[in-house]
Structure formats: C-alpha cells, structure tokens
C-alpha cells in the first residue's frame, strides 16, 4: 500500500463516494478503495477535542456521492464547559439518502489548539 498524509479542506470530499464511514470518540473516517479521509485532532497535554455528537446516520453517507461537505466553527459558550477556551467544529455532509452533522468540541486552557483537521491518505 502506497500512501501519504496531508491535511486538506473537507470540501475536497465533494462528489466522492465512500464505501465505509465510521466514527469513534476522537475521529471520523471516510474511505473507499483508493483514499481515506480522517477528521481528527492531534491531542496535546492540556486540551481535549472529541466527537461530541452525530446527528443523522453515518450509513446514509455510504455508497452515494457526497453532495454537501462543509465545515463550520463556533466559539459560543456550550454551557457545559469548565475550560477557559472552547471551539465547536461542525461538519455537515449529505447524499441523496440523508444529511449528517458531526459536532466536535475542543476545550483547552487557551494556549493549545482546539482545531479539527481533515487528513487525506492515498491507499
């Protein structure tokens, strides 16, 4: 397997078809036979970035081209945060079958990144 990693804009995923879309507490992965995209954050010591919520069914994003692939952020107080700094990162995806919003919450003491990245891996 030949591959390389690089961060890309999530809009690069538009019109692509993925055979498998999976999630855990820290990442969301979209893949097919030739490429894998991973939404992730490189954790550091004084921060936390997690998948807080998925609205919709990830299976709706499989086996059909993505018609929407968009990232939005918001720094409003989530009401549940005890950290000095926080960032919401929303990913919105859709196919003809359905619409999915993935919400990451990043928290830190203000000195560390709370950003979510989209890594592309060529398979």
PDB file of N, CA and C in Angstrom:
ATOM      1  N   UNK A   1       0.847  -1.172   0.000  1.00  0.00           N
ATOM      2  CA  UNK A   1       0.000   0.000   0.000  1.00  0.00           C
ATOM      3  C   UNK A   1       0.890   1.232   0.000  1.00  0.00           C
ATOM      4  N   UNK A   2       0.680   2.095  -0.956  1.00  0.00           N
ATOM      5  CA  UNK A   2       1.388   3.358  -1.042  1.00  0.00           C
ATOM      6  C   UNK A   2       0.472   4.454  -0.530  1.00  0.00           C
ATOM      7  N   UNK A   3       0.946   5.266   0.422  1.00  0.00           N
ATOM      8  CA  UNK A   3       0.087   6.317   0.943  1.00  0.00           C
ATOM      9  C   UNK A   3       0.915   7.486   1.430  1.00  0.00           C
ATOM     10  N   UNK A   4       0.272   8.609   1.532  1.00  0.00           N
ATOM     11  CA  UNK A   4       0.862   9.774   2.172  1.00  0.00           C
ATOM     12  C   UNK A   4      -0.246  10.512   2.904  1.00  0.00           C
ATOM     13  N   UNK A   5       0.149  11.255   3.903  1.00  0.00           N
ATOM     14  CA  UNK A   5      -0.813  12.010   4.700  1.00  0.00           C
ATOM     15  C   UNK A   5      -0.651  13.492   4.422  1.00  0.00           C
ATOM     16  N   UNK A   6      -1.755  14.181   4.279  1.00  0.00           N
ATOM     17  CA  UNK A   6      -1.730  15.637   4.196  1.00  0.00           C
ATOM     18  C   UNK A   6      -3.091  16.158   4.607  1.00  0.00           C
ATOM     19  N   UNK A   7      -3.089  17.334   5.205  1.00  0.00           N
ATOM     20  CA  UNK A   7      -4.350  17.950   5.604  1.00  0.00           C
ATOM     21  C   UNK A   7      -4.941  18.690   4.420  1.00  0.00           C
ATOM     22  N   UNK A   8      -6.248  18.537   4.241  1.00  0.00           N
ATOM     23  CA  UNK A   8      -6.965  19.137   3.125  1.00  0.00           C
ATOM     24  C   UNK A   8      -8.238  19.794   3.642  1.00  0.00           C
ATOM     25  N   UNK A   9      -8.834  20.622   2.808  1.00  0.00           N
ATOM     26  CA  UNK A   9     -10.144  21.178   3.123  1.00  0.00           C
ATOM     27  C   UNK A   9     -11.187  20.090   2.918  1.00  0.00           C
ATOM     28  N   UNK A  10     -12.144  20.016   3.817  1.00  0.00           N
ATOM     29  CA  UNK A  10     -13.165  18.968   3.756  1.00  0.00           C
ATOM     30  C   UNK A  10     -13.966  19.042   2.450  1.00  0.00           C
ATOM     31  N   UNK A  11     -14.016  20.207   1.816  1.00  0.00           N
ATOM     32  CA  UNK A  11     -14.755  20.345   0.554  1.00  0.00           C
ATOM     33  C   UNK A  11     -14.153  19.492  -0.562  1.00  0.00           C
ATOM     34  N   UNK A  12     -12.917  19.040  -0.386  1.00  0.00           N
ATOM     35  CA  UNK A  12     -12.298  18.142  -1.364  1.00  0.00           C
ATOM     36  C   UNK A  12     -13.059  16.815  -1.468  1.00  0.00           C
ATOM     37  N   UNK A  13     -13.848  16.494  -0.465  1.00  0.00           N
ATOM     38  CA  UNK A  13     -14.599  15.247  -0.447  1.00  0.00           C
ATOM     39  C   UNK A  13     -15.881  15.305  -1.292  1.00  0.00           C
ATOM     40  N   UNK A  14     -16.275  16.495  -1.723  1.00  0.00           N
ATOM     41  CA  UNK A  14     -17.482  16.650  -2.540  1.00  0.00           C
ATOM     42  C   UNK A  14     -17.453  15.742  -3.760  1.00  0.00           C
ATOM     43  N   UNK A  15     -18.588  15.168  -4.078  1.00  0.00           N
ATOM     44  CA  UNK A  15     -18.796  14.305  -5.242  1.00  0.00           C
ATOM     45  C   UNK A  15     -18.058  12.970  -5.168  1.00  0.00           C
ATOM     46  N   UNK A  16     -17.390  12.686  -4.065  1.00  0.00           N
ATOM     47  CA  UNK A  16     -16.738  11.392  -3.903  1.00  0.00           C
ATOM     48  C   UNK A  16     -17.713  10.408  -3.247  1.00  0.00           C
ATOM     49  N   UNK A  17     -17.529   9.138  -3.562  1.00  0.00           N
ATOM     50  CA  UNK A  17     -18.357   8.073  -2.992  1.00  0.00           C
ATOM     51  C   UNK A  17     -17.500   7.251  -2.044  1.00  0.00           C
ATOM     52  N   UNK A  18     -18.003   7.032  -0.842  1.00  0.00           N
ATOM     53  CA  UNK A  18     -17.280   6.270   0.174  1.00  0.00           C
ATOM     54  C   UNK A  18     -18.050   5.003   0.506  1.00  0.00           C
ATOM     55  N   UNK A  19     -17.328   3.907   0.601  1.00  0.00           N
ATOM     56  CA  UNK A  19     -17.961   2.621   0.880  1.00  0.00           C
ATOM     57  C   UNK A  19     -18.087   2.360   2.379  1.00  0.00           C
ATOM     58  N   UNK A  20     -17.325   3.118   3.182  1.00  0.00           N
ATOM     59  CA  UNK A  20     -17.358   2.916   4.627  1.00  0.00           C
ATOM     60  C   UNK A  20     -17.149   4.250   5.333  1.00  0.00           C
ATOM     61  N   UNK A  21     -18.031   4.565   6.294  1.00  0.00           N
ATOM     62  CA  UNK A  21     -17.902   5.763   7.118  1.00  0.00           C
ATOM     63  C   UNK A  21     -18.050   5.310   8.574  1.00  0.00           C
ATOM     64  N   UNK A  22     -17.019   5.561   9.386  1.00  0.00           N
ATOM     65  CA  UNK A  22     -17.010   5.098  10.775  1.00  0.00           C
ATOM     66  C   UNK A  22     -16.601   6.232  11.713  1.00  0.00           C
ATOM     67  N   UNK A  23     -16.874   6.027  12.996  1.00  0.00           N
ATOM     68  CA  UNK A  23     -16.563   7.043  13.989  1.00  0.00           C
ATOM     69  C   UNK A  23     -16.178   6.392  15.307  1.00  0.00           C
ATOM     70  N   UNK A  24     -15.320   7.089  16.051  1.00  0.00           N
ATOM     71  CA  UNK A  24     -15.078   6.760  17.453  1.00  0.00           C
ATOM     72  C   UNK A  24     -15.096   8.076  18.223  1.00  0.00           C
ATOM     73  N   UNK A  25     -14.647   8.106  19.441  1.00  0.00           N
ATOM     74  CA  UNK A  25     -14.741   9.306  20.274  1.00  0.00           C
ATOM     75  C   UNK A  25     -13.859  10.450  19.775  1.00  0.00           C
ATOM     76  N   UNK A  26     -12.805  10.153  19.000  1.00  0.00           N
ATOM     77  CA  UNK A  26     -11.874  11.197  18.571  1.00  0.00           C
ATOM     78  C   UNK A  26     -11.783  11.390  17.065  1.00  0.00           C
ATOM     79  N   UNK A  27     -12.314  10.474  16.255  1.00  0.00           N
ATOM     80  CA  UNK A  27     -12.145  10.573  14.807  1.00  0.00           C
ATOM     81  C   UNK A  27     -13.413  10.150  14.066  1.00  0.00           C
ATOM     82  N   UNK A  28     -13.495  10.601  12.815  1.00  0.00           N
ATOM     83  CA  UNK A  28     -14.494  10.119  11.876  1.00  0.00           C
ATOM     84  C   UNK A  28     -13.739   9.808  10.599  1.00  0.00           C
ATOM     85  N   UNK A  29     -13.975   8.623  10.028  1.00  0.00           N
ATOM     86  CA  UNK A  29     -13.223   8.157   8.868  1.00  0.00           C
ATOM     87  C   UNK A  29     -14.158   7.855   7.710  1.00  0.00           C
ATOM     88  N   UNK A  30     -13.783   8.363   6.533  1.00  0.00           N
ATOM     89  CA  UNK A  30     -14.478   8.104   5.273  1.00  0.00           C
ATOM     90  C   UNK A  30     -13.489   7.374   4.384  1.00  0.00           C
ATOM     91  N   UNK A  31     -13.885   6.220   3.807  1.00  0.00           N
ATOM     92  CA  UNK A  31     -12.927   5.523   2.959  1.00  0.00           C
ATOM     93  C   UNK A  31     -13.592   4.772   1.821  1.00  0.00           C
ATOM     94  N   UNK A  32     -12.782   4.570   0.773  1.00  0.00           N
ATOM     95  CA  UNK A  32     -13.139   3.704  -0.346  1.00  0.00           C
ATOM     96  C   UNK A  32     -11.876   2.944  -0.737  1.00  0.00           C
ATOM     97  N   UNK A  33     -11.818   2.378  -1.916  1.00  0.00           N
ATOM     98  CA  UNK A  33     -10.672   1.542  -2.297  1.00  0.00           C
ATOM     99  C   UNK A  33      -9.391   2.330  -2.530  1.00  0.00           C
ATOM    100  N   UNK A  34      -9.489   3.639  -2.778  1.00  0.00           N
ATOM    101  CA  UNK A  34      -8.301   4.404  -3.169  1.00  0.00           C
ATOM    102  C   UNK A  34      -7.897   5.494  -2.188  1.00  0.00           C
ATOM    103  N   UNK A  35      -8.803   5.923  -1.325  1.00  0.00           N
ATOM    104  CA  UNK A  35      -8.495   7.058  -0.454  1.00  0.00           C
ATOM    105  C   UNK A  35      -9.226   6.934   0.879  1.00  0.00           C
ATOM    106  N   UNK A  36      -8.625   7.530   1.903  1.00  0.00           N
ATOM    107  CA  UNK A  36      -9.236   7.591   3.231  1.00  0.00           C
ATOM    108  C   UNK A  36      -9.106   9.045   3.712  1.00  0.00           C
ATOM    109  N   UNK A  37     -10.204   9.590   4.221  1.00  0.00           N
ATOM    110  CA  UNK A  37     -10.200  10.903   4.861  1.00  0.00           C
ATOM    111  C   UNK A  37     -10.515  10.697   6.332  1.00  0.00           C
ATOM    112  N   UNK A  38      -9.731  11.347   7.199  1.00  0.00           N
ATOM    113  CA  UNK A  38      -9.936  11.206   8.634  1.00  0.00           C
ATOM    114  C   UNK A  38     -10.098  12.594   9.243  1.00  0.00           C
ATOM    115  N   UNK A  39     -11.215  12.822   9.915  1.00  0.00           N
ATOM    116  CA  UNK A  39     -11.416  14.036  10.705  1.00  0.00           C
ATOM    117  C   UNK A  39     -10.831  13.741  12.076  1.00  0.00           C
ATOM    118  N   UNK A  40      -9.882  14.567  12.528  1.00  0.00           N
ATOM    119  CA  UNK A  40      -9.128  14.227  13.741  1.00  0.00           C
ATOM    120  C   UNK A  40      -8.530  15.484  14.370  1.00  0.00           C
ATOM    121  N   UNK A  41      -7.956  15.305  15.539  1.00  0.00           N
ATOM    122  CA  UNK A  41      -7.176  16.334  16.222  1.00  0.00           C
ATOM    123  C   UNK A  41      -5.994  15.644  16.880  1.00  0.00           C
ATOM    124  N   UNK A  42      -4.791  16.213  16.717  1.00  0.00           N
ATOM    125  CA  UNK A  42      -3.615  15.690  17.420  1.00  0.00           C
ATOM    126  C   UNK A  42      -3.668  16.198  18.855  1.00  0.00           C
ATOM    127  N   UNK A  43      -3.995  15.316  19.792  1.00  0.00           N
ATOM    128  CA  UNK A  43      -4.146  15.713  21.192  1.00  0.00           C
ATOM    129  C   UNK A  43      -2.813  16.117  21.788  1.00  0.00           C
ATOM    130  N   UNK A  44      -2.845  17.159  22.616  1.00  0.00           N
ATOM    131  CA  UNK A  44      -1.689  17.614  23.364  1.00  0.00           C
ATOM    132  C   UNK A  44      -2.044  17.520  24.849  1.00  0.00           C
ATOM    133  N   UNK A  45      -1.173  17.997  25.710  1.00  0.00           N
ATOM    134  CA  UNK A  45      -1.332  17.751  27.143  1.00  0.00           C
ATOM    135  C   UNK A  45      -2.514  18.452  27.796  1.00  0.00           C
ATOM    136  N   UNK A  46      -2.802  19.679  27.459  1.00  0.00           N
ATOM    137  CA  UNK A  46      -3.793  20.454  28.211  1.00  0.00           C
ATOM    138  C   UNK A  46      -4.997  20.811  27.352  1.00  0.00           C
ATOM    139  N   UNK A  47      -5.494  19.845  26.614  1.00  0.00           N
ATOM    140  CA  UNK A  47      -6.620  20.072  25.721  1.00  0.00           C
ATOM    141  C   UNK A  47      -7.391  18.778  25.529  1.00  0.00           C
ATOM    142  N   UNK A  48      -8.579  18.925  25.004  1.00  0.00           N
ATOM    143  CA  UNK A  48      -9.395  17.776  24.662  1.00  0.00           C
ATOM    144  C   UNK A  48     -10.253  18.156  23.463  1.00  0.00           C
ATOM    145  N   UNK A  49     -10.241  17.331  22.431  1.00  0.00           N
ATOM    146  CA  UNK A  49     -11.106  17.521  21.271  1.00  0.00           C
ATOM    147  C   UNK A  49     -11.750  16.174  20.986  1.00  0.00           C
ATOM    148  N   UNK A  50     -13.078  16.123  21.078  1.00  0.00           N
ATOM    149  CA  UNK A  50     -13.792  14.862  20.925  1.00  0.00           C
ATOM    150  C   UNK A  50     -15.003  15.035  20.024  1.00  0.00           C
ATOM    151  N   UNK A  51     -15.467  13.907  19.480  1.00  0.00           N
ATOM    152  CA  UNK A  51     -16.731  13.896  18.755  1.00  0.00           C
ATOM    153  C   UNK A  51     -17.825  13.951  19.814  1.00  0.00           C
ATOM    154  N   UNK A  52     -18.469  15.086  19.915  1.00  0.00           N
ATOM    155  CA  UNK A  52     -19.485  15.309  20.945  1.00  0.00           C
ATOM    156  C   UNK A  52     -20.839  14.727  20.548  1.00  0.00           C
ATOM    157  N   UNK A  53     -21.162  14.803  19.232  1.00  0.00           N
ATOM    158  CA  UNK A  53     -22.480  14.351  18.805  1.00  0.00           C
ATOM    159  C   UNK A  53     -22.485  14.113  17.295  1.00  0.00           C
ATOM    160  N   UNK A  54     -23.236  13.096  16.877  1.00  0.00           N
ATOM    161  CA  UNK A  54     -23.506  12.846  15.463  1.00  0.00           C
ATOM    162  C   UNK A  54     -25.013  12.844  15.292  1.00  0.00           C
ATOM    163  N   UNK A  55     -25.483  13.753  14.463  1.00  0.00           N
ATOM    164  CA  UNK A  55     -26.916  13.857  14.185  1.00  0.00           C
ATOM    165  C   UNK A  55     -27.142  13.276  12.800  1.00  0.00           C
ATOM    166  N   UNK A  56     -27.903  12.215  12.727  1.00  0.00           N
ATOM    167  CA  UNK A  56     -28.116  11.504  11.473  1.00  0.00           C
ATOM    168  C   UNK A  56     -27.427  10.152  11.517  1.00  0.00           C
ATOM    169  N   UNK A  57     -27.504   9.433  10.420  1.00  0.00           N
ATOM    170  CA  UNK A  57     -26.969   8.078  10.320  1.00  0.00           C
ATOM    171  C   UNK A  57     -25.782   8.073   9.368  1.00  0.00           C
ATOM    172  N   UNK A  58     -24.587   7.709   9.859  1.00  0.00           N
ATOM    173  CA  UNK A  58     -23.393   7.687   9.013  1.00  0.00           C
ATOM    174  C   UNK A  58     -23.565   6.779   7.797  1.00  0.00           C
ATOM    175  N   UNK A  59     -24.397   5.744   7.911  1.00  0.00           N
ATOM    176  CA  UNK A  59     -24.631   4.845   6.772  1.00  0.00           C
ATOM    177  C   UNK A  59     -25.289   5.573   5.599  1.00  0.00           C
ATOM    178  N   UNK A  60     -25.973   6.684   5.872  1.00  0.00           N
ATOM    179  CA  UNK A  60     -26.568   7.476   4.789  1.00  0.00           C
ATOM    180  C   UNK A  60     -25.506   8.126   3.906  1.00  0.00           C
ATOM    181  N   UNK A  61     -24.265   8.160   4.382  1.00  0.00           N
ATOM    182  CA  UNK A  61     -23.167   8.764   3.623  1.00  0.00           C
ATOM    183  C   UNK A  61     -22.392   7.736   2.807  1.00  0.00           C
ATOM    184  N   UNK A  62     -22.795   6.480   2.876  1.00  0.00           N
ATOM    185  CA  UNK A  62     -22.087   5.410   2.176  1.00  0.00           C
ATOM    186  C   UNK A  62     -22.733   5.098   0.827  1.00  0.00           C
ATOM    187  N   UNK A  63     -21.866   4.786  -0.152  1.00  0.00           N
ATOM    188  CA  UNK A  63     -22.256   4.261  -1.466  1.00  0.00           C
ATOM    189  C   UNK A  63     -23.028   5.241  -2.346  1.00  0.00           C
ATOM    190  N   UNK A  64     -22.992   6.516  -2.017  1.00  0.00           N
ATOM    191  CA  UNK A  64     -23.562   7.574  -2.854  1.00  0.00           C
ATOM    192  C   UNK A  64     -22.613   8.770  -2.818  1.00  0.00           C
ATOM    193  N   UNK A  65     -22.538   9.555  -3.890  1.00  0.00           N
ATOM    194  CA  UNK A  65     -21.645  10.718  -3.874  1.00  0.00           C
ATOM    195  C   UNK A  65     -22.083  11.759  -2.845  1.00  0.00           C
ATOM    196  N   UNK A  66     -21.089  12.379  -2.198  1.00  0.00           N
ATOM    197  CA  UNK A  66     -21.387  13.447  -1.255  1.00  0.00           C
ATOM    198  C   UNK A  66     -21.812  14.700  -2.017  1.00  0.00           C
ATOM    199  N   UNK A  67     -22.964  15.240  -1.670  1.00  0.00           N
ATOM    200  CA  UNK A  67     -23.486  16.455  -2.288  1.00  0.00           C
ATOM    201  C   UNK A  67     -23.159  17.691  -1.455  1.00  0.00           C
ATOM    202  N   UNK A  68     -22.934  17.476  -0.165  1.00  0.00           N
ATOM    203  CA  UNK A  68     -22.514  18.544   0.748  1.00  0.00           C
ATOM    204  C   UNK A  68     -21.350  18.019   1.575  1.00  0.00           C
ATOM    205  N   UNK A  69     -20.297  18.834   1.695  1.00  0.00           N
ATOM    206  CA  UNK A  69     -19.158  18.543   2.573  1.00  0.00           C
ATOM    207  C   UNK A  69     -18.647  19.903   3.044  1.00  0.00           C
ATOM    208  N   UNK A  70     -19.025  20.284   4.266  1.00  0.00           N
ATOM    209  CA  UNK A  70     -18.756  21.643   4.733  1.00  0.00           C
ATOM    210  C   UNK A  70     -18.344  21.629   6.207  1.00  0.00           C
ATOM    211  N   UNK A  71     -17.443  22.539   6.558  1.00  0.00           N
ATOM    212  CA  UNK A  71     -17.012  22.723   7.946  1.00  0.00           C
ATOM    213  C   UNK A  71     -17.424  24.116   8.412  1.00  0.00           C
ATOM    214  N   UNK A  72     -17.956  24.191   9.635  1.00  0.00           N
ATOM    215  CA  UNK A  72     -18.289  25.458  10.270  1.00  0.00           C
ATOM    216  C   UNK A  72     -17.771  25.399  11.707  1.00  0.00           C
ATOM    217  N   UNK A  73     -17.428  26.560  12.269  1.00  0.00           N
ATOM    218  CA  UNK A  73     -16.991  26.606  13.663  1.00  0.00           C
ATOM    219  C   UNK A  73     -17.772  27.661  14.415  1.00  0.00           C
ATOM    220  N   UNK A  74     -17.757  27.522  15.747  1.00  0.00           N
ATOM    221  CA  UNK A  74     -18.484  28.428  16.616  1.00  0.00           C
ATOM    222  C   UNK A  74     -17.781  28.430  17.954  1.00  0.00           C
ATOM    223  N   UNK A  75     -17.628  29.596  18.556  1.00  0.00           N
ATOM    224  CA  UNK A  75     -16.974  29.669  19.861  1.00  0.00           C
ATOM    225  C   UNK A  75     -17.923  30.143  20.960  1.00  0.00           C
ATOM    226  N   UNK A  76     -19.229  30.010  20.728  1.00  0.00           N
ATOM    227  CA  UNK A  76     -20.183  30.344  21.786  1.00  0.00           C
ATOM    228  C   UNK A  76     -20.039  29.379  22.950  1.00  0.00           C
ATOM    229  N   UNK A  77     -20.358  29.863  24.136  1.00  0.00           N
ATOM    230  CA  UNK A  77     -20.295  29.045  25.341  1.00  0.00           C
ATOM    231  C   UNK A  77     -21.250  27.864  25.213  1.00  0.00           C
ATOM    232  N   UNK A  78     -20.727  26.627  25.258  1.00  0.00           N
ATOM    233  CA  UNK A  78     -21.602  25.471  25.133  1.00  0.00           C
ATOM    234  C   UNK A  78     -22.438  25.205  26.376  1.00  0.00           C
ATOM    235  N   UNK A  79     -22.187  25.936  27.461  1.00  0.00           N
ATOM    236  CA  UNK A  79     -22.979  25.771  28.669  1.00  0.00           C
ATOM    237  C   UNK A  79     -22.548  24.620  29.549  1.00  0.00           C
ATOM    238  N   UNK A  80     -21.706  23.747  29.038  1.00  0.00           N
ATOM    239  CA  UNK A  80     -21.250  22.592  29.815  1.00  0.00           C
ATOM    240  C   UNK A  80     -19.750  22.608  30.020  1.00  0.00           C
ATOM    241  N   UNK A  81     -19.096  23.664  29.589  1.00  0.00           N
ATOM    242  CA  UNK A  81     -17.637  23.739  29.580  1.00  0.00           C
ATOM    243  C   UNK A  81     -17.111  24.408  30.841  1.00  0.00           C
ATOM    244  N   UNK A  82     -16.100  23.824  31.438  1.00  0.00           N
ATOM    245  CA  UNK A  82     -15.407  24.451  32.554  1.00  0.00           C
ATOM    246  C   UNK A  82     -14.049  24.966  32.127  1.00  0.00           C
ATOM    247  N   UNK A  83     -13.722  24.874  30.838  1.00  0.00           N
ATOM    248  CA  UNK A  83     -12.427  25.289  30.330  1.00  0.00           C
ATOM    249  C   UNK A  83     -12.409  26.776  30.031  1.00  0.00           C
ATOM    250  N   UNK A  84     -11.197  27.327  29.931  1.00  0.00           N
ATOM    251  CA  UNK A  84     -11.047  28.735  29.605  1.00  0.00           C
ATOM    252  C   UNK A  84     -11.330  29.010  28.135  1.00  0.00           C
ATOM    253  N   UNK A  85     -11.122  28.011  27.285  1.00  0.00           N
ATOM    254  CA  UNK A  85     -11.318  28.186  25.848  1.00  0.00           C
ATOM    255  C   UNK A  85     -12.010  26.957  25.285  1.00  0.00           C
ATOM    256  N   UNK A  86     -12.841  27.167  24.287  1.00  0.00           N
ATOM    257  CA  UNK A  86     -13.549  26.056  23.661  1.00  0.00           C
ATOM    258  C   UNK A  86     -13.914  26.438  22.236  1.00  0.00           C
ATOM    259  N   UNK A  87     -14.021  25.431  21.396  1.00  0.00           N
ATOM    260  CA  UNK A  87     -14.397  25.633  19.996  1.00  0.00           C
ATOM    261  C   UNK A  87     -15.283  24.478  19.562  1.00  0.00           C
ATOM    262  N   UNK A  88     -16.418  24.814  18.959  1.00  0.00           N
ATOM    263  CA  UNK A  88     -17.253  23.814  18.309  1.00  0.00           C
ATOM    264  C   UNK A  88     -16.798  23.744  16.860  1.00  0.00           C
ATOM    265  N   UNK A  89     -16.658  22.550  16.323  1.00  0.00           N
ATOM    266  CA  UNK A  89     -16.425  22.375  14.886  1.00  0.00           C
ATOM    267  C   UNK A  89     -17.524  21.455  14.377  1.00  0.00           C
ATOM    268  N   UNK A  90     -18.282  21.961  13.420  1.00  0.00           N
ATOM    269  CA  UNK A  90     -19.396  21.216  12.839  1.00  0.00           C
ATOM    270  C   UNK A  90     -19.015  20.780  11.436  1.00  0.00           C
ATOM    271  N   UNK A  91     -19.251  19.516  11.126  1.00  0.00           N
ATOM    272  CA  UNK A  91     -19.088  19.010   9.763  1.00  0.00           C
ATOM    273  C   UNK A  91     -20.463  18.587   9.275  1.00  0.00           C
ATOM    274  N   UNK A  92     -20.836  19.115   8.119  1.00  0.00           N
ATOM    275  CA  UNK A  92     -22.133  18.809   7.517  1.00  0.00           C
ATOM    276  C   UNK A  92     -21.897  18.053   6.221  1.00  0.00           C
ATOM    277  N   UNK A  93     -22.507  16.888   6.118  1.00  0.00           N
ATOM    278  CA  UNK A  93     -22.379  16.031   4.938  1.00  0.00           C
ATOM    279  C   UNK A  93     -23.768  15.595   4.501  1.00  0.00           C
ATOM    280  N   UNK A  94     -23.929  15.411   3.183  1.00  0.00           N
ATOM    281  CA  UNK A  94     -25.218  14.914   2.699  1.00  0.00           C
ATOM    282  C   UNK A  94     -25.039  14.154   1.400  1.00  0.00           C
ATOM    283  N   UNK A  95     -25.888  13.160   1.222  1.00  0.00           N
ATOM    284  CA  UNK A  95     -26.065  12.448  -0.042  1.00  0.00           C
ATOM    285  C   UNK A  95     -27.563  12.531  -0.347  1.00  0.00           C
ATOM    286  N   UNK A  96     -27.973  11.909  -1.445  1.00  0.00           N
ATOM    287  CA  UNK A  96     -29.409  11.855  -1.731  1.00  0.00           C
ATOM    288  C   UNK A  96     -30.167  11.072  -0.665  1.00  0.00           C
ATOM    289  N   UNK A  97     -29.462  10.218   0.082  1.00  0.00           N
ATOM    290  CA  UNK A  97     -30.109   9.374   1.083  1.00  0.00           C
ATOM    291  C   UNK A  97     -30.345  10.083   2.417  1.00  0.00           C
ATOM    292  N   UNK A  98     -29.450  11.022   2.778  1.00  0.00           N
ATOM    293  CA  UNK A  98     -29.622  11.666   4.075  1.00  0.00           C
ATOM    294  C   UNK A  98     -28.592  12.731   4.359  1.00  0.00           C
ATOM    295  N   UNK A  99     -28.786  13.422   5.495  1.00  0.00           N
ATOM    296  CA  UNK A  99     -27.963  14.543   5.940  1.00  0.00           C
ATOM    297  C   UNK A  99     -27.396  14.201   7.315  1.00  0.00           C
ATOM    298  N   UNK A 100     -26.092  14.467   7.520  1.00  0.00           N
ATOM    299  CA  UNK A 100     -25.439  14.149   8.790  1.00  0.00           C
ATOM    300  C   UNK A 100     -24.638  15.357   9.255  1.00  0.00           C
ATOM    301  N   UNK A 101     -24.796  15.709  10.532  1.00  0.00           N
ATOM    302  CA  UNK A 101     -23.971  16.735  11.152  1.00  0.00           C
ATOM    303  C   UNK A 101     -23.128  16.075  12.226  1.00  0.00           C
ATOM    304  N   UNK A 102     -21.828  16.308  12.167  1.00  0.00           N
ATOM    305  CA  UNK A 102     -20.892  15.774  13.157  1.00  0.00           C
ATOM    306  C   UNK A 102     -20.359  16.966  13.935  1.00  0.00           C
ATOM    307  N   UNK A 103     -20.500  16.912  15.265  1.00  0.00           N
ATOM    308  CA  UNK A 103     -20.094  18.040  16.106  1.00  0.00           C
ATOM    309  C   UNK A 103     -18.934  17.633  17.005  1.00  0.00           C
ATOM    310  N   UNK A 104     -17.796  18.308  16.809  1.00  0.00           N
ATOM    311  CA  UNK A 104     -16.632  18.136  17.672  1.00  0.00           C
ATOM    312  C   UNK A 104     -16.637  19.271  18.697  1.00  0.00           C
ATOM    313  N   UNK A 105     -16.203  18.979  19.924  1.00  0.00           N
ATOM    314  CA  UNK A 105     -15.997  20.012  20.946  1.00  0.00           C
ATOM    315  C   UNK A 105     -14.537  19.983  21.360  1.00  0.00           C
ATOM    316  N   UNK A 106     -13.877  21.141  21.212  1.00  0.00           N
ATOM    317  CA  UNK A 106     -12.496  21.297  21.654  1.00  0.00           C
ATOM    318  C   UNK A 106     -12.452  22.185  22.881  1.00  0.00           C
ATOM    319  N   UNK A 107     -11.714  21.760  23.898  1.00  0.00           N
ATOM    320  CA  UNK A 107     -11.566  22.525  25.125  1.00  0.00           C
ATOM    321  C   UNK A 107     -10.087  22.600  25.487  1.00  0.00           C
ATOM    322  N   UNK A 108      -9.671  23.756  26.029  1.00  0.00           N
ATOM    323  CA  UNK A 108      -8.282  23.879  26.482  1.00  0.00           C
ATOM    324  C   UNK A 108      -8.176  25.032  27.474  1.00  0.00           C
ATOM    325  N   UNK A 109      -6.950  25.266  27.938  1.00  0.00           N
ATOM    326  CA  UNK A 109      -6.708  26.391  28.827  1.00  0.00           C
ATOM    327  C   UNK A 109      -6.463  27.675  28.032  1.00  0.00           C
ATOM    328  N   UNK A 110      -6.600  27.627  26.726  1.00  0.00           N
ATOM    329  CA  UNK A 110      -6.432  28.801  25.885  1.00  0.00           C
ATOM    330  C   UNK A 110      -5.088  28.885  25.198  1.00  0.00           C
ATOM    331  N   UNK A 111      -4.151  28.044  25.579  1.00  0.00           N
ATOM    332  CA  UNK A 111      -2.820  28.065  24.991  1.00  0.00           C
ATOM    333  C   UNK A 111      -2.598  26.946  23.977  1.00  0.00           C
ATOM    334  N   UNK A 112      -3.580  26.089  23.805  1.00  0.00           N
ATOM    335  CA  UNK A 112      -3.436  24.942  22.916  1.00  0.00           C
ATOM    336  C   UNK A 112      -4.512  24.968  21.840  1.00  0.00           C
ATOM    337  N   UNK A 113      -4.223  24.317  20.733  1.00  0.00           N
ATOM    338  CA  UNK A 113      -5.149  24.274  19.606  1.00  0.00           C
ATOM    339  C   UNK A 113      -6.365  23.421  19.936  1.00  0.00           C
ATOM    340  N   UNK A 114      -7.506  23.837  19.420  1.00  0.00           N
ATOM    341  CA  UNK A 114      -8.749  23.076  19.538  1.00  0.00           C
ATOM    342  C   UNK A 114      -9.275  22.740  18.151  1.00  0.00           C
ATOM    343  N   UNK A 115      -8.416  22.891  17.145  1.00  0.00           N
ATOM    344  CA  UNK A 115      -8.812  22.703  15.752  1.00  0.00           C
ATOM    345  C   UNK A 115      -8.977  21.233  15.393  1.00  0.00           C
ATOM    346  N   UNK A 116      -9.889  20.982  14.475  1.00  0.00           N
ATOM    347  CA  UNK A 116     -10.089  19.658  13.891  1.00  0.00           C
ATOM    348  C   UNK A 116      -9.560  19.731  12.467  1.00  0.00           C
ATOM    349  N   UNK A 117      -8.898  18.692  12.028  1.00  0.00           N
ATOM    350  CA  UNK A 117      -8.294  18.657  10.697  1.00  0.00           C
ATOM    351  C   UNK A 117      -8.898  17.527   9.879  1.00  0.00           C
ATOM    352  N   UNK A 118      -8.745  17.644   8.580  1.00  0.00           N
ATOM    353  CA  UNK A 118      -9.148  16.585   7.656  1.00  0.00           C
ATOM    354  C   UNK A 118      -7.880  16.080   6.960  1.00  0.00           C
ATOM    355  N   UNK A 119      -7.496  14.847   7.303  1.00  0.00           N
ATOM    356  CA  UNK A 119      -6.281  14.243   6.744  1.00  0.00           C
ATOM    357  C   UNK A 119      -6.673  13.334   5.587  1.00  0.00           C
ATOM    358  N   UNK A 120      -5.962  13.461   4.485  1.00  0.00           N
ATOM    359  CA  UNK A 120      -6.179  12.596   3.317  1.00  0.00           C
ATOM    360  C   UNK A 120      -5.055  11.576   3.248  1.00  0.00           C
ATOM    361  N   UNK A 121      -5.435  10.317   3.093  1.00  0.00           N
ATOM    362  CA  UNK A 121      -4.469   9.230   2.956  1.00  0.00           C
ATOM    363  C   UNK A 121      -4.769   8.496   1.655  1.00  0.00           C
ATOM    364  N   UNK A 122      -3.814   8.529   0.738  1.00  0.00           N
ATOM    365  CA  UNK A 122      -3.956   7.774  -0.512  1.00  0.00           C
ATOM    366  C   UNK A 122      -3.629   6.309  -0.212  1.00  0.00           C
ATOM    367  N   UNK A 123      -4.485   5.404  -0.622  1.00  0.00           N
ATOM    368  CA  UNK A 123      -4.275   3.970  -0.359  1.00  0.00           C
ATOM    369  C   UNK A 123      -3.656   3.293  -1.555  1.00  0.00           C
TER     370      UNK A 123
END
